[in-house]
Amino acid sequence: MNEDQSETIELESFRSTSSSKIIAVGAILSAVYAIAVVLPMSQFIGPAGSGSILSFAICIAPLFGLVLGPRYGFVFGGIAGFLATIVSIQFAGLYLAIPTIILGPAISGLLTGLCLRPITEFQGIKVPGPLITAVYILLVILLYLLPLYEAWWFILPYALTALVAIVLQAFKFRFDSAASFSRIPIQILPLTLIGSLADFSMMTLGSVYLLGLDAFLFGTVIFPVMLLERTASVIISAIIAGVLFTAFRNELFVEA
């Protein structure tokens, strides 16, 4: 066997091992998300949400993109949403209220993964990930404001998220999973903010266009609760991610 053949075999073996680990981590995250859907964080607000809960699964959603990158984050986020639906129907009832949130972890995984670096390449096409994320968030803002402009302040957290994504693009941010423990939270907080609001966007749009909740509910009742929930989810996600990348930095792979 010549040297070129040996290098080829080693490279193929490395890729196979890396893919296997990514798939294993993705499967674990999907299972954790599905289990977390039954752990209540707060009560869902809305006439169709009686008896439904907002769960701690929202704290797991950004991890799909952080740990797995945009491709695998989207795929396993989608699997997580499907599994959580099955669990939720049996125990929690949340997905029965707003079916669109099934897509939440997939959207979160995709957009968080896209923000790991300034440019992500798909099939030879270079994509400005944070900028694409900002455009998506701005579209969510527009879709909310069209029918509910009276409660415009509800979308302020989304505006902040879009601004953060633009800043990441402008400063060519690149996530370093091997950074020191002191730098990990500084890197992760903007990403968990993006992941959390991307996940929540599916609930917002579902509440507007499927449940038809009015501006009064969004502006006076849901808004303060949402601020508390999103702040908690961003911080908890950052803590979990920080622990994962600090304790298992040699086992986790960021694929972008």
Protein backbone atom coordinates (compact mmCIF):
# COMPACT_ATOMS: atom_id res chain seq x y z
CA MET A 1 0.00 0.00 0.00
CA ASN A 2 1.46 3.34 -1.00
CA GLU A 3 1.44 6.54 1.03
CA ASP A 4 -1.41 8.18 -0.93
CA GLN A 5 -3.67 5.17 -0.37
CA SER A 6 -2.85 5.16 3.35
CA GLU A 7 -3.73 8.86 3.68
CA THR A 8 -7.00 8.29 1.81
CA ILE A 9 -8.00 5.42 4.11
CA GLU A 10 -7.11 7.47 7.20
CA LEU A 11 -9.12 10.45 5.93
CA GLU A 12 -12.16 8.29 5.17
CA SER A 13 -11.88 6.66 8.59
CA PHE A 14 -11.70 10.09 10.26
CA ARG A 15 -14.76 11.34 8.39
CA SER A 16 -16.69 8.19 9.26
CA THR A 17 -15.79 8.48 12.95
CA SER A 18 -16.63 12.20 13.03
CA SER A 19 -19.99 11.64 11.33
CA SER A 20 -20.83 8.83 13.74
CA LYS A 21 -20.08 11.03 16.75
CA ILE A 22 -22.09 13.92 15.34
CA ILE A 23 -25.05 11.61 14.74
CA ALA A 24 -24.73 10.17 18.25
CA VAL A 25 -24.62 13.64 19.83
CA GLY A 26 -27.56 14.74 17.65
CA ALA A 27 -29.62 11.75 18.74
CA ILE A 28 -28.87 12.47 22.40
CA LEU A 29 -29.83 16.14 22.04
CA SER A 30 -33.07 15.16 20.27
CA ALA A 31 -33.96 12.78 23.09
CA VAL A 32 -33.14 15.37 25.75
CA TYR A 33 -35.29 17.95 23.95
CA ALA A 34 -38.22 15.52 23.76
CA ILE A 35 -37.92 14.74 27.47
CA ALA A 36 -37.56 18.41 28.44
CA VAL A 37 -40.87 19.24 26.73
CA VAL A 38 -42.74 17.85 29.74
CA LEU A 39 -40.84 20.05 32.23
CA PRO A 40 -42.89 23.23 32.67
CA MET A 41 -41.28 26.67 32.65
CA SER A 42 -44.53 28.66 32.57
CA GLN A 43 -48.13 28.56 31.42
CA PHE A 44 -49.03 29.19 27.80
CA ILE A 45 -51.12 32.34 27.43
CA GLY A 46 -54.03 32.32 25.01
CA PRO A 47 -57.60 31.08 24.58
CA ALA A 48 -56.50 27.93 22.77
CA GLY A 49 -53.72 27.20 25.22
CA SER A 50 -55.71 26.20 28.27
CA GLY A 51 -53.79 23.52 30.13
CA SER A 52 -50.72 23.90 27.92
CA ILE A 53 -47.22 24.70 29.14
CA LEU A 54 -44.09 26.37 27.92
CA SER A 55 -41.33 23.91 28.69
CA PHE A 56 -37.61 23.89 29.38
CA ALA A 57 -37.13 22.39 25.92
CA ILE A 58 -36.66 25.99 24.72
CA CYS A 59 -33.34 25.98 26.59
CA ILE A 60 -32.14 23.01 24.53
CA ALA A 61 -33.08 24.33 21.07
CA PRO A 62 -30.01 26.60 20.56
CA LEU A 63 -27.70 23.69 21.37
CA PHE A 64 -28.55 21.97 18.08
CA GLY A 65 -26.84 24.73 16.13
CA LEU A 66 -24.08 25.37 18.67
CA VAL A 67 -22.97 21.76 18.89
CA LEU A 68 -23.90 20.39 15.47
CA GLY A 69 -23.72 23.36 13.12
CA PRO A 70 -26.41 24.45 10.62
CA ARG A 71 -26.81 21.22 8.61
CA TYR A 72 -27.01 18.68 11.39
CA GLY A 73 -28.57 21.25 13.71
CA PHE A 74 -31.48 21.66 11.32
CA VAL A 75 -31.90 17.92 10.76
CA PHE A 76 -31.74 16.86 14.39
CA GLY A 77 -33.74 19.91 15.47
CA GLY A 78 -36.46 18.67 13.13
CA ILE A 79 -36.23 15.18 14.60
CA ALA A 80 -36.43 16.68 18.09
CA GLY A 81 -39.56 18.63 17.16
CA PHE A 82 -41.20 15.45 15.84
CA LEU A 83 -40.28 13.43 18.95
CA ALA A 84 -41.40 16.24 21.23
CA THR A 85 -44.75 16.30 19.45
CA ILE A 86 -45.33 12.65 20.28
CA VAL A 87 -44.31 13.17 23.90
CA SER A 88 -46.29 16.39 24.15
CA ILE A 89 -49.50 14.83 22.87
CA GLN A 90 -49.24 12.23 25.60
CA PHE A 91 -48.21 14.45 28.50
CA ALA A 92 -48.02 18.21 27.92
CA GLY A 93 -50.43 19.30 25.20
CA LEU A 94 -48.29 22.27 24.09
CA TYR A 95 -47.95 21.28 20.43
CA LEU A 96 -51.69 20.86 20.15
CA ALA A 97 -52.02 24.59 20.84
CA ILE A 98 -49.59 25.86 18.18
CA PRO A 99 -48.47 23.26 15.61
CA THR A 100 -45.89 25.63 14.07
CA ILE A 101 -43.56 25.27 17.06
CA ILE A 102 -42.76 21.75 15.89
CA LEU A 103 -40.41 23.57 13.50
CA GLY A 104 -38.89 25.70 16.27
CA PRO A 105 -35.82 23.59 17.14
CA ALA A 106 -35.03 23.01 13.46
CA ILE A 107 -35.12 26.76 12.70
CA SER A 108 -33.10 27.42 15.85
CA GLY A 109 -30.50 24.81 14.93
CA LEU A 110 -30.15 26.15 11.40
CA LEU A 111 -29.84 29.84 12.29
CA THR A 112 -27.66 29.36 15.37
CA GLY A 113 -25.37 27.15 13.29
CA LEU A 114 -25.20 29.75 10.53
CA CYS A 115 -24.00 32.32 13.06
CA LEU A 116 -21.01 30.24 14.20
CA ARG A 117 -18.88 31.91 11.52
CA PRO A 118 -19.27 34.80 9.07
CA ILE A 119 -19.41 32.60 5.97
CA THR A 120 -20.80 29.09 5.66
CA GLU A 121 -20.33 27.08 2.49
CA PHE A 122 -23.15 24.90 1.12
CA GLN A 123 -22.33 22.86 -1.99
CA GLY A 124 -19.74 25.39 -3.05
CA ILE A 125 -22.03 28.36 -2.37
CA LYS A 126 -20.80 30.79 0.27
CA VAL A 127 -23.57 32.08 2.54
CA PRO A 128 -23.25 35.02 5.00
CA GLY A 129 -24.90 33.15 7.87
CA PRO A 130 -25.45 35.95 10.41
CA LEU A 131 -26.84 38.22 7.69
CA ILE A 132 -29.28 35.52 6.55
CA THR A 133 -30.31 35.13 10.19
CA ALA A 134 -30.90 38.87 10.53
CA VAL A 135 -33.05 38.86 7.38
CA TYR A 136 -35.16 36.01 8.79
CA ILE A 137 -35.67 37.80 12.12
CA LEU A 138 -36.62 41.02 10.32
CA LEU A 139 -39.16 39.05 8.28
CA VAL A 140 -40.68 37.71 11.50
CA ILE A 141 -40.89 41.30 12.80
CA LEU A 142 -42.64 42.41 9.63
CA LEU A 143 -45.12 39.53 9.70
CA TYR A 144 -45.95 40.35 13.31
CA LEU A 145 -46.34 44.09 12.75
CA LEU A 146 -48.63 43.78 9.72
CA PRO A 147 -51.63 42.65 11.79
CA LEU A 148 -50.54 43.76 15.29
CA TYR A 149 -48.71 47.06 14.93
CA GLU A 150 -50.64 48.43 17.95
CA ALA A 151 -48.42 46.32 20.23
CA TRP A 152 -45.18 47.07 18.38
CA TRP A 153 -43.00 46.84 21.50
CA PHE A 154 -43.51 43.07 21.64
CA ILE A 155 -40.97 42.63 18.84
CA LEU A 156 -38.20 44.63 20.57
CA PRO A 157 -36.37 41.41 21.62
CA TYR A 158 -36.50 40.32 17.98
CA ALA A 159 -35.07 43.68 16.91
CA LEU A 160 -32.23 43.20 19.40
CA THR A 161 -31.62 39.71 18.01
CA ALA A 162 -31.48 41.01 14.43
CA LEU A 163 -29.02 43.70 15.53
CA VAL A 164 -26.83 41.10 17.26
CA ALA A 165 -26.76 38.98 14.09
CA ILE A 166 -25.76 42.01 12.00
CA VAL A 167 -22.97 42.84 14.46
CA LEU A 168 -21.69 39.24 14.28
CA GLN A 169 -21.57 39.55 10.50
CA ALA A 170 -19.90 42.97 10.56
CA PHE A 171 -17.17 41.89 12.98
CA LYS A 172 -16.70 38.51 11.25
CA PHE A 173 -17.42 36.59 14.44
CA ARG A 174 -16.12 33.03 14.55
CA PHE A 175 -17.12 30.70 17.39
CA ASP A 176 -14.19 28.93 19.06
CA SER A 177 -15.39 25.84 20.92
CA ALA A 178 -11.90 25.36 22.39
CA ALA A 179 -11.75 28.83 23.97
CA SER A 180 -10.92 29.25 27.64
CA PHE A 181 -13.70 28.90 30.20
CA SER A 182 -13.75 32.68 30.80
CA ARG A 183 -14.33 33.41 27.09
CA ILE A 184 -16.96 30.73 26.45
CA PRO A 185 -19.94 32.66 27.94
CA ILE A 186 -19.03 35.82 26.00
CA GLN A 187 -19.11 33.83 22.76
CA ILE A 188 -22.18 31.77 23.57
CA LEU A 189 -24.64 34.37 24.90
CA PRO A 190 -25.22 36.06 21.50
CA LEU A 191 -25.73 32.65 19.92
CA THR A 192 -28.17 31.41 22.55
CA LEU A 193 -30.08 34.68 22.18
CA ILE A 194 -30.37 34.05 18.44
CA GLY A 195 -31.27 30.39 18.95
CA SER A 196 -33.88 31.12 21.60
CA LEU A 197 -35.65 33.85 19.60
CA ALA A 198 -35.46 31.79 16.40
CA ASP A 199 -37.19 28.95 18.22
CA PHE A 200 -39.74 31.34 19.76
CA SER A 201 -40.48 32.87 16.36
CA MET A 202 -42.50 29.80 15.41
CA MET A 203 -44.66 30.26 18.51
CA THR A 204 -45.09 33.98 17.80
CA LEU A 205 -46.15 33.48 14.18
CA GLY A 206 -48.42 30.60 15.18
CA SER A 207 -50.06 32.73 17.85
CA VAL A 208 -50.63 35.56 15.36
CA TYR A 209 -51.84 33.61 12.33
CA LEU A 210 -53.25 30.36 13.76
CA LEU A 211 -54.60 31.34 17.17
CA GLY A 212 -55.39 34.91 16.20
CA LEU A 213 -54.37 36.41 19.54
CA ASP A 214 -55.01 40.14 19.71
CA ALA A 215 -52.62 43.03 20.29
CA PHE A 216 -53.76 43.54 23.88
CA LEU A 217 -52.65 40.03 24.87
CA PHE A 218 -49.29 40.39 23.12
CA GLY A 219 -48.55 43.88 24.42
CA THR A 220 -49.74 43.70 28.02
CA VAL A 221 -49.93 40.06 29.11
CA ILE A 222 -47.52 38.00 27.01
CA PHE A 223 -44.76 40.61 26.66
CA PRO A 224 -43.51 40.77 30.29
CA VAL A 225 -43.78 36.99 30.65
CA MET A 226 -41.91 36.54 27.37
CA LEU A 227 -39.07 38.78 28.56
CA LEU A 228 -38.62 36.66 31.67
CA GLU A 229 -38.85 33.38 29.74
CA ARG A 230 -36.44 34.43 26.98
CA THR A 231 -33.92 35.86 29.46
CA ALA A 232 -34.03 32.65 31.47
CA SER A 233 -33.77 30.42 28.41
CA VAL A 234 -30.82 32.40 26.96
CA ILE A 235 -28.89 32.21 30.24
CA ILE A 236 -29.70 28.55 30.92
CA SER A 237 -28.76 27.59 27.35
CA ALA A 238 -25.47 29.46 27.69
CA ILE A 239 -24.69 27.72 30.98
CA ILE A 240 -25.46 24.27 29.55
CA ALA A 241 -23.43 24.97 26.41
CA GLY A 242 -20.54 26.39 28.44
CA VAL A 243 -20.42 23.26 30.59
CA LEU A 244 -20.59 21.01 27.53
CA PHE A 245 -17.82 22.77 25.63
CA THR A 246 -15.64 23.03 28.73
CA ALA A 247 -16.07 19.45 29.93
CA PHE A 248 -16.27 17.68 26.56
CA ARG A 249 -14.35 19.93 24.18
CA ASN A 250 -12.51 16.93 22.73
CA GLU A 251 -15.71 15.01 22.06
CA LEU A 252 -17.97 17.71 20.58
CA PHE A 253 -17.67 18.72 16.98
CA VAL A 254 -18.93 21.96 15.51
CA GLU A 255 -19.83 21.28 11.88
CA ALA A 256 -20.51 24.36 9.81
